[in-house]
Amino acid sequence: MARQRAERGTPEGERQRRMRRAAVSGGVTAVCLGGGAIALDGFSGAAPWWLVAPLTVLCGVFAGWAGARTGRENALRAETLAPGEKLLSTYTVRPPFTPGRAPTPYENPPFQLLLTSRHLQLWEHANLLWAYPWPELRLTADGPRLKIYHQGQEAGFMLLEPPGSVHEVLLAGRRLGAS
């Protein structure tokens, strides 16, 4: 085995158990929702069972994989919070426009901006790119885009979703100590 499991009771072992538990719960939830929706819709539409059953299994497999991945990402993000720190909100960040390449409709945006009670964090899937305390930040709006400055240097210039999110982030930042 290339990967060895950490012993139970050690900090690394407990971390692995939390990650595994989050992935399993995310996968099970997604399987139940995705597979259940297909099965209910197929059987209520009077489709034959031999057609509904394989589609339900196939949908359940993909939903389980996506749910496990999402559960693991959420557990990693929760792990970065300090004791007493609360997650306030999450916003999707649209990547910059690349000429000649339009985003596909099913493409999942990789960046998310997380507002916590102590920090502003930028994530790319499961990787924390940066986290700055609120008092060290200066936030401004440039039309629909948010400009983030940390210690006088631009840390981010981003388009947030849903529309109007920039004003929510500015309001939260002012209340939490950003200028």
N, C-alpha and C. Protein backbone atom coordinates (compact mmCIF):
# COMPACT_ATOMS: atom_id res chain seq x y z
N MET A 1 0.84 -1.18 0.00
CA MET A 1 0.00 0.00 0.00
C MET A 1 0.88 1.24 0.00
N ALA A 2 0.62 2.13 -0.91
CA ALA A 2 1.41 3.35 -1.00
C ALA A 2 1.10 4.30 0.15
N ARG A 3 -0.15 4.38 0.55
CA ARG A 3 -0.55 5.25 1.66
C ARG A 3 -0.72 4.42 2.92
N GLN A 4 -0.17 4.91 3.99
CA GLN A 4 -0.36 4.23 5.26
C GLN A 4 -1.32 5.05 6.10
N ARG A 5 -2.16 4.35 6.82
CA ARG A 5 -3.12 5.02 7.68
C ARG A 5 -2.45 5.42 8.99
N ALA A 6 -2.75 6.61 9.45
CA ALA A 6 -2.21 7.07 10.73
C ALA A 6 -2.95 6.36 11.85
N GLU A 7 -2.27 6.21 12.97
CA GLU A 7 -2.86 5.50 14.09
C GLU A 7 -4.00 6.31 14.71
N ARG A 8 -4.97 5.57 15.19
CA ARG A 8 -6.11 6.19 15.84
C ARG A 8 -5.65 6.86 17.13
N GLY A 9 -6.19 8.03 17.41
CA GLY A 9 -5.84 8.76 18.61
C GLY A 9 -4.76 9.80 18.39
N THR A 10 -4.02 9.71 17.30
CA THR A 10 -3.01 10.73 17.00
C THR A 10 -3.69 11.88 16.26
N PRO A 11 -3.09 13.07 16.29
CA PRO A 11 -3.71 14.20 15.58
C PRO A 11 -3.90 13.92 14.08
N GLU A 12 -2.92 13.28 13.46
CA GLU A 12 -3.05 12.98 12.02
C GLU A 12 -4.13 11.94 11.78
N GLY A 13 -4.23 10.96 12.66
CA GLY A 13 -5.28 9.95 12.54
C GLY A 13 -6.66 10.55 12.69
N GLU A 14 -6.82 11.47 13.63
CA GLU A 14 -8.11 12.13 13.83
C GLU A 14 -8.45 13.00 12.62
N ARG A 15 -7.45 13.66 12.06
CA ARG A 15 -7.69 14.49 10.87
C ARG A 15 -8.15 13.63 9.70
N GLN A 16 -7.49 12.49 9.50
CA GLN A 16 -7.89 11.58 8.42
C GLN A 16 -9.31 11.08 8.62
N ARG A 17 -9.67 10.79 9.86
CA ARG A 17 -11.03 10.32 10.15
C ARG A 17 -12.06 11.41 9.84
N ARG A 18 -11.74 12.67 10.20
CA ARG A 18 -12.67 13.78 9.90
C ARG A 18 -12.84 13.95 8.40
N MET A 19 -11.73 13.88 7.65
CA MET A 19 -11.79 14.03 6.20
C MET A 19 -12.60 12.89 5.57
N ARG A 20 -12.34 11.68 6.03
CA ARG A 20 -13.05 10.52 5.50
C ARG A 20 -14.54 10.61 5.82
N ARG A 21 -14.86 11.01 7.06
CA ARG A 21 -16.26 11.13 7.47
C ARG A 21 -16.98 12.20 6.64
N ALA A 22 -16.31 13.33 6.37
CA ALA A 22 -16.91 14.39 5.56
C ALA A 22 -17.12 13.92 4.12
N ALA A 23 -16.15 13.20 3.57
CA ALA A 23 -16.29 12.69 2.20
C ALA A 23 -17.41 11.67 2.11
N VAL A 24 -17.51 10.78 3.08
CA VAL A 24 -18.57 9.76 3.06
C VAL A 24 -19.93 10.41 3.21
N SER A 25 -20.06 11.35 4.14
CA SER A 25 -21.38 11.98 4.33
C SER A 25 -21.77 12.80 3.11
N GLY A 26 -20.82 13.50 2.48
CA GLY A 26 -21.13 14.23 1.26
C GLY A 26 -21.52 13.30 0.13
N GLY A 27 -20.82 12.18 -0.01
CA GLY A 27 -21.15 11.21 -1.05
C GLY A 27 -22.50 10.56 -0.84
N VAL A 28 -22.80 10.17 0.39
CA VAL A 28 -24.09 9.52 0.68
C VAL A 28 -25.24 10.49 0.43
N THR A 29 -25.08 11.73 0.86
CA THR A 29 -26.13 12.73 0.63
C THR A 29 -26.38 12.93 -0.85
N ALA A 30 -25.31 13.07 -1.63
CA ALA A 30 -25.47 13.28 -3.07
C ALA A 30 -26.07 12.06 -3.76
N VAL A 31 -25.68 10.86 -3.34
CA VAL A 31 -26.26 9.64 -3.94
C VAL A 31 -27.75 9.59 -3.67
N CYS A 32 -28.14 9.87 -2.43
CA CYS A 32 -29.56 9.83 -2.10
C CYS A 32 -30.36 10.85 -2.90
N LEU A 33 -29.83 12.06 -3.01
CA LEU A 33 -30.55 13.10 -3.74
C LEU A 33 -30.54 12.84 -5.25
N GLY A 34 -29.36 12.56 -5.80
CA GLY A 34 -29.26 12.36 -7.24
C GLY A 34 -29.94 11.09 -7.71
N GLY A 35 -29.62 9.97 -7.08
CA GLY A 35 -30.23 8.70 -7.47
C GLY A 35 -31.72 8.67 -7.17
N GLY A 36 -32.11 9.23 -6.04
CA GLY A 36 -33.53 9.26 -5.68
C GLY A 36 -34.35 10.09 -6.65
N ALA A 37 -33.81 11.22 -7.08
CA ALA A 37 -34.54 12.06 -8.03
C ALA A 37 -34.74 11.34 -9.36
N ILE A 38 -33.71 10.67 -9.85
CA ILE A 38 -33.83 9.94 -11.12
C ILE A 38 -34.82 8.79 -10.98
N ALA A 39 -34.72 8.05 -9.88
CA ALA A 39 -35.61 6.90 -9.68
C ALA A 39 -37.06 7.35 -9.57
N LEU A 40 -37.32 8.36 -8.78
CA LEU A 40 -38.70 8.84 -8.62
C LEU A 40 -39.26 9.37 -9.93
N ASP A 41 -38.46 10.14 -10.64
CA ASP A 41 -38.93 10.69 -11.90
C ASP A 41 -39.15 9.59 -12.94
N GLY A 42 -38.25 8.62 -12.96
CA GLY A 42 -38.39 7.52 -13.94
C GLY A 42 -39.59 6.65 -13.68
N PHE A 43 -39.81 6.28 -12.42
CA PHE A 43 -40.94 5.40 -12.11
C PHE A 43 -42.27 6.14 -12.18
N SER A 44 -42.28 7.42 -11.83
CA SER A 44 -43.55 8.15 -11.91
C SER A 44 -43.91 8.46 -13.36
N GLY A 45 -42.94 8.48 -14.24
CA GLY A 45 -43.19 8.72 -15.66
C GLY A 45 -43.52 7.46 -16.42
N ALA A 46 -43.73 6.36 -15.73
CA ALA A 46 -44.09 5.08 -16.32
C ALA A 46 -43.02 4.54 -17.26
N ALA A 47 -41.76 4.83 -16.95
CA ALA A 47 -40.66 4.27 -17.74
C ALA A 47 -40.41 2.84 -17.26
N PRO A 48 -39.95 1.98 -18.13
CA PRO A 48 -39.69 0.59 -17.72
C PRO A 48 -38.54 0.52 -16.71
N TRP A 49 -38.65 -0.43 -15.77
CA TRP A 49 -37.67 -0.56 -14.70
C TRP A 49 -36.28 -0.85 -15.23
N TRP A 50 -36.18 -1.62 -16.33
CA TRP A 50 -34.88 -1.99 -16.86
C TRP A 50 -34.15 -0.79 -17.46
N LEU A 51 -34.87 0.29 -17.72
CA LEU A 51 -34.24 1.51 -18.19
C LEU A 51 -33.91 2.45 -17.02
N VAL A 52 -34.81 2.49 -16.04
CA VAL A 52 -34.64 3.39 -14.90
C VAL A 52 -33.51 2.93 -13.99
N ALA A 53 -33.42 1.63 -13.72
CA ALA A 53 -32.44 1.11 -12.77
C ALA A 53 -30.99 1.43 -13.17
N PRO A 54 -30.56 1.15 -14.41
CA PRO A 54 -29.16 1.49 -14.75
C PRO A 54 -28.89 3.00 -14.73
N LEU A 55 -29.88 3.79 -15.16
CA LEU A 55 -29.68 5.24 -15.12
C LEU A 55 -29.56 5.75 -13.69
N THR A 56 -30.34 5.14 -12.78
CA THR A 56 -30.27 5.53 -11.37
C THR A 56 -28.89 5.18 -10.80
N VAL A 57 -28.39 4.01 -11.11
CA VAL A 57 -27.08 3.59 -10.62
C VAL A 57 -25.99 4.50 -11.19
N LEU A 58 -26.05 4.77 -12.47
CA LEU A 58 -25.05 5.62 -13.11
C LEU A 58 -25.07 7.03 -12.51
N CYS A 59 -26.25 7.58 -12.35
CA CYS A 59 -26.37 8.91 -11.75
C CYS A 59 -25.89 8.89 -10.30
N GLY A 60 -26.20 7.83 -9.58
CA GLY A 60 -25.76 7.70 -8.19
C GLY A 60 -24.25 7.66 -8.06
N VAL A 61 -23.59 6.98 -8.99
CA VAL A 61 -22.12 6.89 -8.95
C VAL A 61 -21.50 8.28 -9.15
N PHE A 62 -21.96 8.99 -10.17
CA PHE A 62 -21.41 10.33 -10.41
C PHE A 62 -21.76 11.29 -9.29
N ALA A 63 -22.97 11.21 -8.78
CA ALA A 63 -23.38 12.08 -7.66
C ALA A 63 -22.56 11.76 -6.42
N GLY A 64 -22.31 10.49 -6.16
CA GLY A 64 -21.51 10.11 -5.00
C GLY A 64 -20.09 10.62 -5.09
N TRP A 65 -19.50 10.53 -6.28
CA TRP A 65 -18.14 11.03 -6.47
C TRP A 65 -18.09 12.54 -6.24
N ALA A 66 -19.04 13.27 -6.84
CA ALA A 66 -19.06 14.72 -6.69
C ALA A 66 -19.35 15.12 -5.24
N GLY A 67 -20.24 14.42 -4.59
CA GLY A 67 -20.56 14.72 -3.20
C GLY A 67 -19.40 14.45 -2.27
N ALA A 68 -18.66 13.37 -2.52
CA ALA A 68 -17.49 13.06 -1.69
C ALA A 68 -16.42 14.13 -1.85
N ARG A 69 -16.23 14.58 -3.08
CA ARG A 69 -15.24 15.62 -3.34
C ARG A 69 -15.64 16.94 -2.65
N THR A 70 -16.92 17.29 -2.75
CA THR A 70 -17.40 18.51 -2.11
C THR A 70 -17.31 18.41 -0.59
N GLY A 71 -17.66 17.26 -0.04
CA GLY A 71 -17.56 17.07 1.40
C GLY A 71 -16.13 17.20 1.89
N ARG A 72 -15.19 16.65 1.14
CA ARG A 72 -13.77 16.76 1.52
C ARG A 72 -13.30 18.21 1.45
N GLU A 73 -13.70 18.95 0.41
CA GLU A 73 -13.32 20.36 0.30
C GLU A 73 -13.88 21.17 1.47
N ASN A 74 -15.14 20.91 1.82
CA ASN A 74 -15.75 21.64 2.93
C ASN A 74 -15.04 21.33 4.25
N ALA A 75 -14.62 20.08 4.44
CA ALA A 75 -13.90 19.72 5.67
C ALA A 75 -12.54 20.41 5.72
N LEU A 76 -11.85 20.48 4.58
CA LEU A 76 -10.56 21.18 4.54
C LEU A 76 -10.72 22.66 4.87
N ARG A 77 -11.78 23.27 4.35
CA ARG A 77 -12.02 24.69 4.63
C ARG A 77 -12.37 24.91 6.09
N ALA A 78 -13.17 24.03 6.65
CA ALA A 78 -13.55 24.16 8.06
C ALA A 78 -12.34 23.98 8.97
N GLU A 79 -11.38 23.21 8.52
CA GLU A 79 -10.17 22.95 9.30
C GLU A 79 -9.30 24.20 9.46
N THR A 80 -9.40 25.14 8.54
CA THR A 80 -8.57 26.35 8.60
C THR A 80 -9.12 27.38 9.57
N LEU A 81 -10.35 27.22 10.02
CA LEU A 81 -10.95 28.19 10.94
C LEU A 81 -10.34 28.05 12.33
N ALA A 82 -10.03 29.17 12.93
CA ALA A 82 -9.50 29.18 14.29
C ALA A 82 -10.63 28.91 15.28
N PRO A 83 -10.31 28.50 16.50
CA PRO A 83 -11.36 28.28 17.50
C PRO A 83 -12.17 29.57 17.71
N GLY A 84 -13.47 29.46 17.63
CA GLY A 84 -14.35 30.61 17.79
C GLY A 84 -14.62 31.37 16.51
N GLU A 85 -13.89 31.09 15.45
CA GLU A 85 -14.09 31.76 14.17
C GLU A 85 -15.27 31.12 13.45
N LYS A 86 -16.11 31.94 12.85
CA LYS A 86 -17.31 31.46 12.17
C LYS A 86 -17.25 31.78 10.68
N LEU A 87 -17.75 30.87 9.87
CA LEU A 87 -17.89 31.12 8.44
C LEU A 87 -19.17 31.94 8.25
N LEU A 88 -19.04 33.12 7.64
CA LEU A 88 -20.19 34.00 7.47
C LEU A 88 -20.86 33.81 6.12
N SER A 89 -20.06 33.72 5.06
CA SER A 89 -20.64 33.61 3.72
C SER A 89 -19.60 33.11 2.73
N THR A 90 -20.08 32.59 1.62
CA THR A 90 -19.22 32.09 0.55
C THR A 90 -19.72 32.67 -0.77
N TYR A 91 -18.80 33.16 -1.59
CA TYR A 91 -19.16 33.73 -2.88
C TYR A 91 -18.33 33.07 -3.97
N THR A 92 -18.95 32.82 -5.10
CA THR A 92 -18.26 32.28 -6.26
C THR A 92 -17.54 33.42 -6.97
N VAL A 93 -16.29 33.19 -7.33
CA VAL A 93 -15.50 34.17 -8.06
C VAL A 93 -15.36 33.69 -9.49
N ARG A 94 -15.81 34.50 -10.42
CA ARG A 94 -15.69 34.16 -11.84
C ARG A 94 -14.26 34.39 -12.30
N PRO A 95 -13.68 33.43 -13.01
CA PRO A 95 -12.31 33.63 -13.52
C PRO A 95 -12.31 34.73 -14.57
N PRO A 96 -11.15 35.35 -14.79
CA PRO A 96 -11.08 36.41 -15.80
C PRO A 96 -11.37 35.86 -17.19
N PHE A 97 -11.90 36.73 -18.03
CA PHE A 97 -12.23 36.34 -19.40
C PHE A 97 -10.95 36.09 -20.19
N THR A 98 -10.92 34.97 -20.90
CA THR A 98 -9.80 34.63 -21.75
C THR A 98 -10.25 34.75 -23.20
N PRO A 99 -9.65 35.65 -23.99
CA PRO A 99 -10.08 35.79 -25.38
C PRO A 99 -9.92 34.48 -26.15
N GLY A 100 -10.92 34.15 -26.94
CA GLY A 100 -10.89 32.94 -27.74
C GLY A 100 -11.35 31.70 -27.02
N ARG A 101 -11.67 31.81 -25.74
CA ARG A 101 -12.13 30.64 -24.99
C ARG A 101 -13.28 31.04 -24.08
N ALA A 102 -14.46 30.72 -24.50
CA ALA A 102 -15.63 31.00 -23.67
C ALA A 102 -15.82 29.85 -22.68
N PRO A 103 -16.23 30.15 -21.44
CA PRO A 103 -16.45 29.06 -20.48
C PRO A 103 -17.65 28.21 -20.89
N THR A 104 -17.53 26.92 -20.69
CA THR A 104 -18.64 26.03 -21.01
C THR A 104 -19.69 26.15 -19.91
N PRO A 105 -20.96 25.89 -20.23
CA PRO A 105 -22.02 26.07 -19.24
C PRO A 105 -21.90 25.12 -18.05
N TYR A 106 -21.27 23.97 -18.23
CA TYR A 106 -21.17 23.00 -17.14
C TYR A 106 -19.87 23.14 -16.35
N GLU A 107 -19.01 24.08 -16.75
CA GLU A 107 -17.72 24.25 -16.10
C GLU A 107 -17.92 24.86 -14.71
N ASN A 108 -17.39 24.20 -13.70
CA ASN A 108 -17.52 24.66 -12.33
C ASN A 108 -16.45 25.71 -12.05
N PRO A 109 -16.83 26.91 -11.61
CA PRO A 109 -15.81 27.91 -11.34
C PRO A 109 -14.92 27.47 -10.19
N PRO A 110 -13.61 27.55 -10.37
CA PRO A 110 -12.70 26.99 -9.37
C PRO A 110 -12.47 27.86 -8.14
N PHE A 111 -12.80 29.15 -8.20
CA PHE A 111 -12.44 30.06 -7.11
C PHE A 111 -13.65 30.39 -6.24
N GLN A 112 -13.40 30.47 -4.92
CA GLN A 112 -14.44 30.90 -3.98
C GLN A 112 -13.83 31.84 -2.96
N LEU A 113 -14.57 32.89 -2.63
CA LEU A 113 -14.18 33.85 -1.62
C LEU A 113 -14.99 33.56 -0.37
N LEU A 114 -14.31 33.26 0.74
CA LEU A 114 -14.98 32.95 2.00
C LEU A 114 -14.80 34.10 2.97
N LEU A 115 -15.91 34.52 3.57
CA LEU A 115 -15.89 35.55 4.59
C LEU A 115 -16.06 34.86 5.93
N THR A 116 -15.09 35.06 6.81
CA THR A 116 -15.20 34.52 8.17
C THR A 116 -15.25 35.69 9.14
N SER A 117 -15.47 35.39 10.39
CA SER A 117 -15.55 36.46 11.38
C SER A 117 -14.19 37.13 11.62
N ARG A 118 -13.09 36.53 11.17
CA ARG A 118 -11.76 37.11 11.39
C ARG A 118 -10.95 37.33 10.12
N HIS A 119 -11.26 36.61 9.04
CA HIS A 119 -10.44 36.65 7.83
C HIS A 119 -11.30 36.73 6.57
N LEU A 120 -10.63 37.11 5.49
CA LEU A 120 -11.16 36.97 4.14
C LEU A 120 -10.25 35.96 3.45
N GLN A 121 -10.82 34.89 2.89
CA GLN A 121 -10.02 33.81 2.31
C GLN A 121 -10.38 33.61 0.85
N LEU A 122 -9.38 33.33 0.02
CA LEU A 122 -9.60 32.97 -1.38
C LEU A 122 -9.14 31.53 -1.57
N TRP A 123 -10.05 30.71 -2.09
CA TRP A 123 -9.79 29.28 -2.30
C TRP A 123 -9.87 28.95 -3.78
N GLU A 124 -9.01 28.03 -4.22
CA GLU A 124 -9.12 27.41 -5.55
C GLU A 124 -9.35 25.93 -5.30
N HIS A 125 -10.58 25.49 -5.47
CA HIS A 125 -11.04 24.15 -5.11
C HIS A 125 -10.66 23.87 -3.65
N ALA A 126 -9.72 22.99 -3.37
CA ALA A 126 -9.36 22.66 -1.99
C ALA A 126 -8.06 23.31 -1.54
N ASN A 127 -7.55 24.28 -2.31
CA ASN A 127 -6.29 24.94 -1.97
C ASN A 127 -6.54 26.37 -1.50
N LEU A 128 -6.06 26.68 -0.32
CA LEU A 128 -6.16 28.04 0.21
C LEU A 128 -5.08 28.89 -0.45
N LEU A 129 -5.49 29.90 -1.23
CA LEU A 129 -4.52 30.76 -1.91
C LEU A 129 -4.02 31.85 -0.98
N TRP A 130 -4.93 32.49 -0.26
CA TRP A 130 -4.54 33.45 0.76
C TRP A 130 -5.66 33.67 1.76
N ALA A 131 -5.27 34.15 2.95
CA ALA A 131 -6.21 34.51 4.01
C ALA A 131 -5.63 35.72 4.73
N TYR A 132 -6.38 36.82 4.73
CA TYR A 132 -5.91 38.04 5.36
C TYR A 132 -6.89 38.47 6.45
N PRO A 133 -6.38 38.95 7.59
CA PRO A 133 -7.27 39.45 8.64
C PRO A 133 -7.98 40.73 8.16
N TRP A 134 -9.19 40.92 8.61
CA TRP A 134 -9.99 42.06 8.18
C TRP A 134 -9.32 43.41 8.43
N PRO A 135 -8.70 43.66 9.60
CA PRO A 135 -8.12 44.99 9.82
C PRO A 135 -6.98 45.36 8.86
N GLU A 136 -6.37 44.38 8.21
CA GLU A 136 -5.27 44.65 7.28
C GLU A 136 -5.75 44.89 5.85
N LEU A 137 -7.06 44.85 5.62
CA LEU A 137 -7.59 44.94 4.26
C LEU A 137 -8.23 46.30 3.98
N ARG A 138 -8.19 46.68 2.71
CA ARG A 138 -8.95 47.82 2.21
C ARG A 138 -9.74 47.30 1.01
N LEU A 139 -11.05 47.48 1.05
CA LEU A 139 -11.94 46.98 0.00
C LEU A 139 -12.58 48.14 -0.74
N THR A 140 -12.64 48.02 -2.07
CA THR A 140 -13.33 49.02 -2.89
C THR A 140 -14.11 48.30 -3.98
N ALA A 141 -15.12 48.99 -4.49
CA ALA A 141 -15.91 48.46 -5.60
C ALA A 141 -15.54 49.22 -6.86
N ASP A 142 -15.36 48.48 -7.94
CA ASP A 142 -15.12 49.07 -9.25
C ASP A 142 -16.20 48.51 -10.16
N GLY A 143 -17.37 49.16 -10.14
CA GLY A 143 -18.52 48.63 -10.87
C GLY A 143 -18.95 47.32 -10.24
N PRO A 144 -19.05 46.25 -11.03
CA PRO A 144 -19.47 44.97 -10.46
C PRO A 144 -18.31 44.15 -9.88
N ARG A 145 -17.10 44.73 -9.90
CA ARG A 145 -15.93 44.00 -9.42
C ARG A 145 -15.48 44.49 -8.05
N LEU A 146 -14.87 43.58 -7.31
CA LEU A 146 -14.34 43.88 -5.98
C LEU A 146 -12.83 43.98 -6.06
N LYS A 147 -12.28 45.08 -5.51
CA LYS A 147 -10.83 45.25 -5.42
C LYS A 147 -10.44 45.06 -3.96
N ILE A 148 -9.45 44.21 -3.74
CA ILE A 148 -8.98 43.92 -2.39
C ILE A 148 -7.51 44.34 -2.30
N TYR A 149 -7.21 45.19 -1.32
CA TYR A 149 -5.84 45.64 -1.09
C TYR A 149 -5.39 45.14 0.27
N HIS A 150 -4.17 44.58 0.30
CA HIS A 150 -3.57 44.13 1.55
C HIS A 150 -2.24 44.84 1.71
N GLN A 151 -2.10 45.63 2.75
CA GLN A 151 -0.89 46.40 3.04
C GLN A 151 -0.46 47.24 1.85
N GLY A 152 -1.43 47.90 1.23
CA GLY A 152 -1.16 48.82 0.13
C GLY A 152 -1.00 48.18 -1.24
N GLN A 153 -0.94 46.87 -1.32
CA GLN A 153 -0.79 46.19 -2.61
C GLN A 153 -2.08 45.47 -2.97
N GLU A 154 -2.36 45.44 -4.27
CA GLU A 154 -3.59 44.78 -4.72
C GLU A 154 -3.47 43.27 -4.54
N ALA A 155 -4.39 42.70 -3.77
CA ALA A 155 -4.40 41.25 -3.52
C ALA A 155 -5.41 40.55 -4.41
N GLY A 156 -6.38 41.29 -4.92
CA GLY A 156 -7.38 40.66 -5.77
C GLY A 156 -8.26 41.68 -6.46
N PHE A 157 -8.69 41.32 -7.66
CA PHE A 157 -9.62 42.11 -8.46
C PHE A 157 -10.56 41.09 -9.07
N MET A 158 -11.77 40.98 -8.55
CA MET A 158 -12.59 39.83 -8.90
C MET A 158 -14.05 40.18 -9.13
N LEU A 159 -14.68 39.37 -9.96
CA LEU A 159 -16.10 39.46 -10.26
C LEU A 159 -16.80 38.37 -9.47
N LEU A 160 -17.71 38.77 -8.58
CA LEU A 160 -18.38 37.82 -7.69
C LEU A 160 -19.78 37.48 -8.19
N GLU A 161 -20.24 36.32 -7.80
CA GLU A 161 -21.62 35.91 -8.06
C GLU A 161 -22.28 35.59 -6.74
N PRO A 162 -23.53 35.81 -6.58
CA PRO A 162 -24.51 36.41 -7.48
C PRO A 162 -24.31 37.92 -7.59
N PRO A 163 -24.97 38.56 -8.57
CA PRO A 163 -24.86 40.01 -8.70
C PRO A 163 -25.25 40.71 -7.40
N GLY A 164 -24.55 41.76 -7.06
CA GLY A 164 -24.81 42.48 -5.82
C GLY A 164 -23.95 42.00 -4.66
N SER A 165 -23.18 40.96 -4.87
CA SER A 165 -22.34 40.41 -3.80
C SER A 165 -21.25 41.37 -3.37
N VAL A 166 -20.80 42.20 -4.29
CA VAL A 166 -19.72 43.14 -3.97
C VAL A 166 -20.14 44.05 -2.83
N HIS A 167 -21.37 44.53 -2.88
CA HIS A 167 -21.84 45.44 -1.83
C HIS A 167 -22.00 44.71 -0.49
N GLU A 168 -22.39 43.44 -0.54
CA GLU A 168 -22.48 42.65 0.69
C GLU A 168 -21.09 42.47 1.32
N VAL A 169 -20.09 42.19 0.49
CA VAL A 169 -18.73 42.01 1.00
C VAL A 169 -18.20 43.33 1.57
N LEU A 170 -18.47 44.44 0.88
CA LEU A 170 -18.03 45.74 1.38
C LEU A 170 -18.67 46.05 2.74
N LEU A 171 -19.95 45.79 2.87
CA LEU A 171 -20.65 46.04 4.13
C LEU A 171 -20.10 45.16 5.25
N ALA A 172 -19.91 43.88 4.95
CA ALA A 172 -19.36 42.96 5.96
C ALA A 172 -17.94 43.37 6.34
N GLY A 173 -17.15 43.77 5.36
CA GLY A 173 -15.78 44.19 5.63
C GLY A 173 -15.72 45.41 6.53
N ARG A 174 -16.58 46.38 6.29
CA ARG A 174 -16.59 47.57 7.15
C ARG A 174 -17.00 47.23 8.57
N ARG A 175 -17.96 46.33 8.71
CA ARG A 175 -18.41 45.94 10.05
C ARG A 175 -17.34 45.13 10.79
N LEU A 176 -16.49 44.43 10.04
CA LEU A 176 -15.48 43.57 10.67
C LEU A 176 -14.10 44.21 10.76
N GLY A 177 -13.97 45.47 10.35
CA GLY A 177 -12.72 46.19 10.58
C GLY A 177 -11.90 46.54 9.36
N ALA A 178 -12.34 46.18 8.16
CA ALA A 178 -11.60 46.56 6.96
C ALA A 178 -11.90 48.01 6.63
N SER A 179 -10.96 48.67 5.98
CA SER A 179 -11.21 50.07 5.60
C SER A 179 -11.68 50.17 4.17
